[in-house]
Amino acid sequence: MSDAAQRLLGENLGQDVMVKLRSNEVVRGRLKSFDQHLNIVLEDAYEIVEDKPRKLGTVVIRGENIVLITPVAKR
């Protein structure tokens, strides 16, 4: 992971983020941690399915499945 990506993720620890996965699923939650492989842990996560949220709780997402991570406004 580049230094810029690591810095940006570090700045967003504890903040809400939206993660788009290779499977076109979208997951939102609070970024708890990440590592050099872009594996991330989200707390209070939920998946958005057909504009309806589905609670997931705490999840670990492997970096190889992530297409996009973006900060979002508080829910």
PDB file of N, CA and C in Angstrom:
ATOM      1  N   MET A   1       0.849  -1.164   0.000  1.00  0.00           N
ATOM      2  CA  MET A   1       0.000   0.000   0.000  1.00  0.00           C
ATOM      3  C   MET A   1       0.900   1.234   0.000  1.00  0.00           C
ATOM      4  N   SER A   2       0.501   2.229  -0.749  1.00  0.00           N
ATOM      5  CA  SER A   2       1.307   3.445  -0.834  1.00  0.00           C
ATOM      6  C   SER A   2       1.235   4.236   0.469  1.00  0.00           C
ATOM      7  N   ASP A   3       2.222   5.095   0.672  1.00  0.00           N
ATOM      8  CA  ASP A   3       2.244   5.940   1.859  1.00  0.00           C
ATOM      9  C   ASP A   3       1.030   6.860   1.908  1.00  0.00           C
ATOM     10  N   ALA A   4       0.615   7.366   0.738  1.00  0.00           N
ATOM     11  CA  ALA A   4      -0.537   8.267   0.688  1.00  0.00           C
ATOM     12  C   ALA A   4      -1.813   7.538   1.103  1.00  0.00           C
ATOM     13  N   ALA A   5      -1.998   6.317   0.623  1.00  0.00           N
ATOM     14  CA  ALA A   5      -3.182   5.538   0.983  1.00  0.00           C
ATOM     15  C   ALA A   5      -3.178   5.228   2.470  1.00  0.00           C
ATOM     16  N   GLN A   6      -2.018   4.870   2.998  1.00  0.00           N
ATOM     17  CA  GLN A   6      -1.913   4.563   4.419  1.00  0.00           C
ATOM     18  C   GLN A   6      -2.204   5.804   5.261  1.00  0.00           C
ATOM     19  N   ARG A   7      -1.718   6.956   4.832  1.00  0.00           N
ATOM     20  CA  ARG A   7      -1.968   8.207   5.552  1.00  0.00           C
ATOM     21  C   ARG A   7      -3.462   8.551   5.539  1.00  0.00           C
ATOM     22  N   LEU A   8      -4.100   8.420   4.372  1.00  0.00           N
ATOM     23  CA  LEU A   8      -5.525   8.744   4.265  1.00  0.00           C
ATOM     24  C   LEU A   8      -6.385   7.808   5.103  1.00  0.00           C
ATOM     25  N   LEU A   9      -6.066   6.518   5.102  1.00  0.00           N
ATOM     26  CA  LEU A   9      -6.821   5.582   5.940  1.00  0.00           C
ATOM     27  C   LEU A   9      -6.592   5.891   7.413  1.00  0.00           C
ATOM     28  N   GLY A  10      -5.358   6.214   7.765  1.00  0.00           N
ATOM     29  CA  GLY A  10      -5.056   6.560   9.151  1.00  0.00           C
ATOM     30  C   GLY A  10      -5.835   7.774   9.627  1.00  0.00           C
ATOM     31  N   GLU A  11      -6.016   8.746   8.745  1.00  0.00           N
ATOM     32  CA  GLU A  11      -6.773   9.957   9.085  1.00  0.00           C
ATOM     33  C   GLU A  11      -8.249   9.659   9.286  1.00  0.00           C
ATOM     34  N   ASN A  12      -8.731   8.548   8.713  1.00  0.00           N
ATOM     35  CA  ASN A  12     -10.151   8.216   8.805  1.00  0.00           C
ATOM     36  C   ASN A  12     -10.463   7.116   9.814  1.00  0.00           C
ATOM     37  N   LEU A  13      -9.479   6.713  10.616  1.00  0.00           N
ATOM     38  CA  LEU A  13      -9.756   5.741  11.666  1.00  0.00           C
ATOM     39  C   LEU A  13     -10.813   6.301  12.607  1.00  0.00           C
ATOM     40  N   GLY A  14     -11.786   5.489  12.939  1.00  0.00           N
ATOM     41  CA  GLY A  14     -12.865   5.927  13.810  1.00  0.00           C
ATOM     42  C   GLY A  14     -13.976   6.665  13.091  1.00  0.00           C
ATOM     43  N   GLN A  15     -13.820   6.880  11.796  1.00  0.00           N
ATOM     44  CA  GLN A  15     -14.824   7.589  10.996  1.00  0.00           C
ATOM     45  C   GLN A  15     -15.635   6.594  10.170  1.00  0.00           C
ATOM     46  N   ASP A  16     -16.814   7.018   9.721  1.00  0.00           N
ATOM     47  CA  ASP A  16     -17.633   6.180   8.850  1.00  0.00           C
ATOM     48  C   ASP A  16     -17.057   6.174   7.435  1.00  0.00           C
ATOM     49  N   VAL A  17     -16.994   4.978   6.855  1.00  0.00           N
ATOM     50  CA  VAL A  17     -16.521   4.828   5.479  1.00  0.00           C
ATOM     51  C   VAL A  17     -17.487   3.931   4.712  1.00  0.00           C
ATOM     52  N   MET A  18     -17.468   4.076   3.404  1.00  0.00           N
ATOM     53  CA  MET A  18     -18.215   3.201   2.516  1.00  0.00           C
ATOM     54  C   MET A  18     -17.194   2.393   1.734  1.00  0.00           C
ATOM     55  N   VAL A  19     -17.430   1.085   1.635  1.00  0.00           N
ATOM     56  CA  VAL A  19     -16.507   0.186   0.947  1.00  0.00           C
ATOM     57  C   VAL A  19     -17.271  -0.517  -0.165  1.00  0.00           C
ATOM     58  N   LYS A  20     -16.778  -0.388  -1.393  1.00  0.00           N
ATOM     59  CA  LYS A  20     -17.364  -1.120  -2.515  1.00  0.00           C
ATOM     60  C   LYS A  20     -16.478  -2.334  -2.770  1.00  0.00           C
ATOM     61  N   LEU A  21     -17.112  -3.503  -2.895  1.00  0.00           N
ATOM     62  CA  LEU A  21     -16.386  -4.752  -3.068  1.00  0.00           C
ATOM     63  C   LEU A  21     -16.414  -5.209  -4.519  1.00  0.00           C
ATOM     64  N   ARG A  22     -15.512  -6.130  -4.849  1.00  0.00           N
ATOM     65  CA  ARG A  22     -15.447  -6.667  -6.220  1.00  0.00           C
ATOM     66  C   ARG A  22     -16.764  -7.294  -6.636  1.00  0.00           C
ATOM     67  N   SER A  23     -17.532  -7.784  -5.697  1.00  0.00           N
ATOM     68  CA  SER A  23     -18.819  -8.425  -5.986  1.00  0.00           C
ATOM     69  C   SER A  23     -19.939  -7.396  -6.160  1.00  0.00           C
ATOM     70  N   ASN A  24     -19.586  -6.108  -6.209  1.00  0.00           N
ATOM     71  CA  ASN A  24     -20.519  -4.982  -6.333  1.00  0.00           C
ATOM     72  C   ASN A  24     -21.354  -4.751  -5.081  1.00  0.00           C
ATOM     73  N   GLU A  25     -21.035  -5.409  -3.991  1.00  0.00           N
ATOM     74  CA  GLU A  25     -21.708  -5.141  -2.726  1.00  0.00           C
ATOM     75  C   GLU A  25     -21.141  -3.854  -2.136  1.00  0.00           C
ATOM     76  N   VAL A  26     -21.965  -3.167  -1.355  1.00  0.00           N
ATOM     77  CA  VAL A  26     -21.542  -1.936  -0.692  1.00  0.00           C
ATOM     78  C   VAL A  26     -21.746  -2.115   0.810  1.00  0.00           C
ATOM     79  N   VAL A  27     -20.690  -1.872   1.574  1.00  0.00           N
ATOM     80  CA  VAL A  27     -20.729  -2.004   3.034  1.00  0.00           C
ATOM     81  C   VAL A  27     -20.313  -0.670   3.642  1.00  0.00           C
ATOM     82  N   ARG A  28     -21.064  -0.242   4.656  1.00  0.00           N
ATOM     83  CA  ARG A  28     -20.712   0.978   5.381  1.00  0.00           C
ATOM     84  C   ARG A  28     -20.501   0.642   6.838  1.00  0.00           C
ATOM     85  N   GLY A  29     -19.580   1.357   7.465  1.00  0.00           N
ATOM     86  CA  GLY A  29     -19.331   1.161   8.882  1.00  0.00           C
ATOM     87  C   GLY A  29     -18.205   2.055   9.353  1.00  0.00           C
ATOM     88  N   ARG A  30     -17.877   1.957  10.639  1.00  0.00           N
ATOM     89  CA  ARG A  30     -16.813   2.769  11.231  1.00  0.00           C
ATOM     90  C   ARG A  30     -15.488   2.015  11.105  1.00  0.00           C
ATOM     91  N   LEU A  31     -14.505   2.663  10.488  1.00  0.00           N
ATOM     92  CA  LEU A  31     -13.196   2.061  10.261  1.00  0.00           C
ATOM     93  C   LEU A  31     -12.460   1.911  11.581  1.00  0.00           C
ATOM     94  N   LYS A  32     -12.252   0.657  11.997  1.00  0.00           N
ATOM     95  CA  LYS A  32     -11.577   0.395  13.261  1.00  0.00           C
ATOM     96  C   LYS A  32     -10.084   0.188  13.057  1.00  0.00           C
ATOM     97  N   SER A  33      -9.697  -0.570  12.013  1.00  0.00           N
ATOM     98  CA  SER A  33      -8.273  -0.802  11.758  1.00  0.00           C
ATOM     99  C   SER A  33      -8.060  -1.264  10.330  1.00  0.00           C
ATOM    100  N   PHE A  34      -6.781  -1.243   9.920  1.00  0.00           N
ATOM    101  CA  PHE A  34      -6.384  -1.705   8.589  1.00  0.00           C
ATOM    102  C   PHE A  34      -4.939  -2.146   8.666  1.00  0.00           C
ATOM    103  N   ASP A  35      -4.487  -2.893   7.655  1.00  0.00           N
ATOM    104  CA  ASP A  35      -3.083  -3.299   7.616  1.00  0.00           C
ATOM    105  C   ASP A  35      -2.486  -3.009   6.239  1.00  0.00           C
ATOM    106  N   GLN A  36      -1.237  -3.416   6.043  1.00  0.00           N
ATOM    107  CA  GLN A  36      -0.515  -3.104   4.810  1.00  0.00           C
ATOM    108  C   GLN A  36      -1.104  -3.797   3.587  1.00  0.00           C
ATOM    109  N   HIS A  37      -1.950  -4.820   3.784  1.00  0.00           N
ATOM    110  CA  HIS A  37      -2.583  -5.529   2.667  1.00  0.00           C
ATOM    111  C   HIS A  37      -3.964  -4.958   2.360  1.00  0.00           C
ATOM    112  N   LEU A  38      -4.346  -3.894   3.047  1.00  0.00           N
ATOM    113  CA  LEU A  38      -5.639  -3.235   2.928  1.00  0.00           C
ATOM    114  C   LEU A  38      -6.774  -4.069   3.500  1.00  0.00           C
ATOM    115  N   ASN A  39      -6.444  -5.082   4.318  1.00  0.00           N
ATOM    116  CA  ASN A  39      -7.487  -5.764   5.084  1.00  0.00           C
ATOM    117  C   ASN A  39      -8.009  -4.742   6.077  1.00  0.00           C
ATOM    118  N   ILE A  40      -9.330  -4.661   6.222  1.00  0.00           N
ATOM    119  CA  ILE A  40      -9.894  -3.661   7.120  1.00  0.00           C
ATOM    120  C   ILE A  40     -10.886  -4.299   8.085  1.00  0.00           C
ATOM    121  N   VAL A  41     -11.079  -3.648   9.220  1.00  0.00           N
ATOM    122  CA  VAL A  41     -12.090  -4.038  10.195  1.00  0.00           C
ATOM    123  C   VAL A  41     -13.061  -2.872  10.311  1.00  0.00           C
ATOM    124  N   LEU A  42     -14.351  -3.172  10.133  1.00  0.00           N
ATOM    125  CA  LEU A  42     -15.408  -2.177  10.285  1.00  0.00           C
ATOM    126  C   LEU A  42     -16.276  -2.563  11.470  1.00  0.00           C
ATOM    127  N   GLU A  43     -16.643  -1.570  12.281  1.00  0.00           N
ATOM    128  CA  GLU A  43     -17.578  -1.765  13.388  1.00  0.00           C
ATOM    129  C   GLU A  43     -18.921  -1.165  13.004  1.00  0.00           C
ATOM    130  N   ASP A  44     -19.983  -1.664  13.607  1.00  0.00           N
ATOM    131  CA  ASP A  44     -21.344  -1.178  13.331  1.00  0.00           C
ATOM    132  C   ASP A  44     -21.610  -1.156  11.831  1.00  0.00           C
ATOM    133  N   ALA A  45     -21.141  -2.187  11.146  1.00  0.00           N
ATOM    134  CA  ALA A  45     -21.246  -2.233   9.685  1.00  0.00           C
ATOM    135  C   ALA A  45     -22.627  -2.698   9.253  1.00  0.00           C
ATOM    136  N   TYR A  46     -23.001  -2.251   8.076  1.00  0.00           N
ATOM    137  CA  TYR A  46     -24.212  -2.754   7.452  1.00  0.00           C
ATOM    138  C   TYR A  46     -24.015  -2.770   5.945  1.00  0.00           C
ATOM    139  N   GLU A  47     -24.673  -3.730   5.317  1.00  0.00           N
ATOM    140  CA  GLU A  47     -24.617  -3.889   3.870  1.00  0.00           C
ATOM    141  C   GLU A  47     -25.844  -3.214   3.287  1.00  0.00           C
ATOM    142  N   ILE A  48     -25.659  -2.541   2.181  1.00  0.00           N
ATOM    143  CA  ILE A  48     -26.779  -1.879   1.522  1.00  0.00           C
ATOM    144  C   ILE A  48     -27.238  -2.779   0.375  1.00  0.00           C
ATOM    145  N   VAL A  49     -28.450  -3.345   0.519  1.00  0.00           N
ATOM    146  CA  VAL A  49     -29.011  -4.250  -0.484  1.00  0.00           C
ATOM    147  C   VAL A  49     -30.316  -3.657  -0.975  1.00  0.00           C
ATOM    148  N   GLU A  50     -30.345  -3.329  -2.256  1.00  0.00           N
ATOM    149  CA  GLU A  50     -31.549  -2.737  -2.862  1.00  0.00           C
ATOM    150  C   GLU A  50     -32.061  -1.571  -2.026  1.00  0.00           C
ATOM    151  N   ASP A  51     -31.157  -0.677  -1.659  1.00  0.00           N
ATOM    152  CA  ASP A  51     -31.447   0.533  -0.875  1.00  0.00           C
ATOM    153  C   ASP A  51     -31.973   0.247   0.520  1.00  0.00           C
ATOM    154  N   LYS A  52     -31.815  -1.001   1.012  1.00  0.00           N
ATOM    155  CA  LYS A  52     -32.229  -1.340   2.367  1.00  0.00           C
ATOM    156  C   LYS A  52     -30.998  -1.810   3.139  1.00  0.00           C
ATOM    157  N   PRO A  53     -30.769  -1.250   4.344  1.00  0.00           N
ATOM    158  CA  PRO A  53     -29.605  -1.680   5.126  1.00  0.00           C
ATOM    159  C   PRO A  53     -29.840  -3.040   5.794  1.00  0.00           C
ATOM    160  N   ARG A  54     -28.780  -3.836   5.868  1.00  0.00           N
ATOM    161  CA  ARG A  54     -28.808  -5.120   6.578  1.00  0.00           C
ATOM    162  C   ARG A  54     -27.653  -5.096   7.566  1.00  0.00           C
ATOM    163  N   LYS A  55     -27.960  -5.132   8.872  1.00  0.00           N
ATOM    164  CA  LYS A  55     -26.923  -5.029   9.905  1.00  0.00           C
ATOM    165  C   LYS A  55     -25.979  -6.221   9.850  1.00  0.00           C
ATOM    166  N   LEU A  56     -24.667  -5.921   9.967  1.00  0.00           N
ATOM    167  CA  LEU A  56     -23.644  -6.952   9.985  1.00  0.00           C
ATOM    168  C   LEU A  56     -22.860  -6.965  11.287  1.00  0.00           C
ATOM    169  N   GLY A  57     -22.790  -5.848  11.983  1.00  0.00           N
ATOM    170  CA  GLY A  57     -21.977  -5.751  13.202  1.00  0.00           C
ATOM    171  C   GLY A  57     -20.528  -5.469  12.866  1.00  0.00           C
ATOM    172  N   THR A  58     -19.613  -6.189  13.504  1.00  0.00           N
ATOM    173  CA  THR A  58     -18.182  -6.026  13.242  1.00  0.00           C
ATOM    174  C   THR A  58     -17.765  -7.018  12.170  1.00  0.00           C
ATOM    175  N   VAL A  59     -17.096  -6.525  11.121  1.00  0.00           N
ATOM    176  CA  VAL A  59     -16.687  -7.382  10.006  1.00  0.00           C
ATOM    177  C   VAL A  59     -15.224  -7.133   9.649  1.00  0.00           C
ATOM    178  N   VAL A  60     -14.603  -8.164   9.098  1.00  0.00           N
ATOM    179  CA  VAL A  60     -13.259  -8.068   8.537  1.00  0.00           C
ATOM    180  C   VAL A  60     -13.407  -8.258   7.039  1.00  0.00           C
ATOM    181  N   ILE A  61     -12.835  -7.342   6.270  1.00  0.00           N
ATOM    182  CA  ILE A  61     -12.896  -7.431   4.810  1.00  0.00           C
ATOM    183  C   ILE A  61     -11.479  -7.560   4.277  1.00  0.00           C
ATOM    184  N   ARG A  62     -11.253  -8.610   3.506  1.00  0.00           N
ATOM    185  CA  ARG A  62      -9.926  -8.813   2.915  1.00  0.00           C
ATOM    186  C   ARG A  62      -9.649  -7.758   1.857  1.00  0.00           C
ATOM    187  N   GLY A  63      -8.438  -7.254   1.854  1.00  0.00           N
ATOM    188  CA  GLY A  63      -8.049  -6.194   0.942  1.00  0.00           C
ATOM    189  C   GLY A  63      -8.203  -6.552  -0.521  1.00  0.00           C
ATOM    190  N   GLU A  64      -8.022  -7.822  -0.878  1.00  0.00           N
ATOM    191  CA  GLU A  64      -8.120  -8.223  -2.282  1.00  0.00           C
ATOM    192  C   GLU A  64      -9.536  -8.084  -2.830  1.00  0.00           C
ATOM    193  N   ASN A  65     -10.531  -7.952  -1.942  1.00  0.00           N
ATOM    194  CA  ASN A  65     -11.923  -7.811  -2.374  1.00  0.00           C
ATOM    195  C   ASN A  65     -12.387  -6.366  -2.462  1.00  0.00           C
ATOM    196  N   ILE A  66     -11.544  -5.427  -2.047  1.00  0.00           N
ATOM    197  CA  ILE A  66     -11.932  -4.016  -1.992  1.00  0.00           C
ATOM    198  C   ILE A  66     -11.604  -3.313  -3.302  1.00  0.00           C
ATOM    199  N   VAL A  67     -12.607  -2.606  -3.826  1.00  0.00           N
ATOM    200  CA  VAL A  67     -12.435  -1.798  -5.030  1.00  0.00           C
ATOM    201  C   VAL A  67     -12.279  -0.323  -4.656  1.00  0.00           C
ATOM    202  N   LEU A  68     -13.049   0.127  -3.645  1.00  0.00           N
ATOM    203  CA  LEU A  68     -13.095   1.543  -3.304  1.00  0.00           C
ATOM    204  C   LEU A  68     -13.403   1.714  -1.821  1.00  0.00           C
ATOM    205  N   ILE A  69     -12.717   2.650  -1.194  1.00  0.00           N
ATOM    206  CA  ILE A  69     -13.044   3.066   0.175  1.00  0.00           C
ATOM    207  C   ILE A  69     -13.174   4.576   0.163  1.00  0.00           C
ATOM    208  N   THR A  70     -14.289   5.072   0.698  1.00  0.00           N
ATOM    209  CA  THR A  70     -14.481   6.512   0.727  1.00  0.00           C
ATOM    210  C   THR A  70     -15.110   6.931   2.055  1.00  0.00           C
ATOM    211  N   PRO A  71     -14.687   8.064   2.624  1.00  0.00           N
ATOM    212  CA  PRO A  71     -15.325   8.551   3.850  1.00  0.00           C
ATOM    213  C   PRO A  71     -16.751   9.007   3.542  1.00  0.00           C
ATOM    214  N   VAL A  72     -17.638   8.866   4.517  1.00  0.00           N
ATOM    215  CA  VAL A  72     -19.035   9.312   4.346  1.00  0.00           C
ATOM    216  C   VAL A  72     -19.445  10.143   5.543  1.00  0.00           C
ATOM    217  N   ALA A  73     -20.498  10.915   5.356  1.00  0.00           N
ATOM    218  CA  ALA A  73     -21.043  11.719   6.444  1.00  0.00           C
ATOM    219  C   ALA A  73     -21.660  10.804   7.487  1.00  0.00           C
ATOM    220  N   LYS A  74     -21.729  11.261   8.711  1.00  0.00           N
ATOM    221  CA  LYS A  74     -22.330  10.478   9.794  1.00  0.00           C
ATOM    222  C   LYS A  74     -23.757  10.110   9.449  1.00  0.00           C
ATOM    223  N   ARG A  75     -24.179   8.896   9.908  1.00  0.00           N
ATOM    224  CA  ARG A  75     -25.548   8.432   9.678  1.00  0.00           C
ATOM    225  C   ARG A  75     -26.497   9.132  10.599  1.00  0.00           C
TER     226      ARG A  75
END
